[in-house]
C-alpha cells in the first residue's frame, strides 16, 4: 500500500510541474513582438492609445480616456497592445 501511494504522489507531482510555460496561443501570438505604436492601417500614431488591461476605477478611466483604451480584466496571453481610434483597430 505504501509503494502505491508514493508512486501516485510522484506521478501527480511530475504532471503538475512538467507543463510548458508557453502555450500554443502565447508562442504563436501575432501581438507578441508588437512594440511599435504605428497603426498598420492608417500608418500613423496620432490617435493610437495603449490598451489598459485590468480592473480600474471610473475616476481613473475618465481621467485617462485619452491616454488608454480600457479593455477589461480578462486576458488570454495573446492580446493586442495598441488601439487606433481612427480605424477602431486593435493591434
Foldseek 3Di string as FASTA:
>chain_A
DVVVVVVVVVVVVCVVPVDDPDDPCLVPAPQNPPPDQQDPPPRHNPQKEFEDEDDDDPVVCVVCVSHYDYDYHDDDNRAFGMAGPVVRDGD
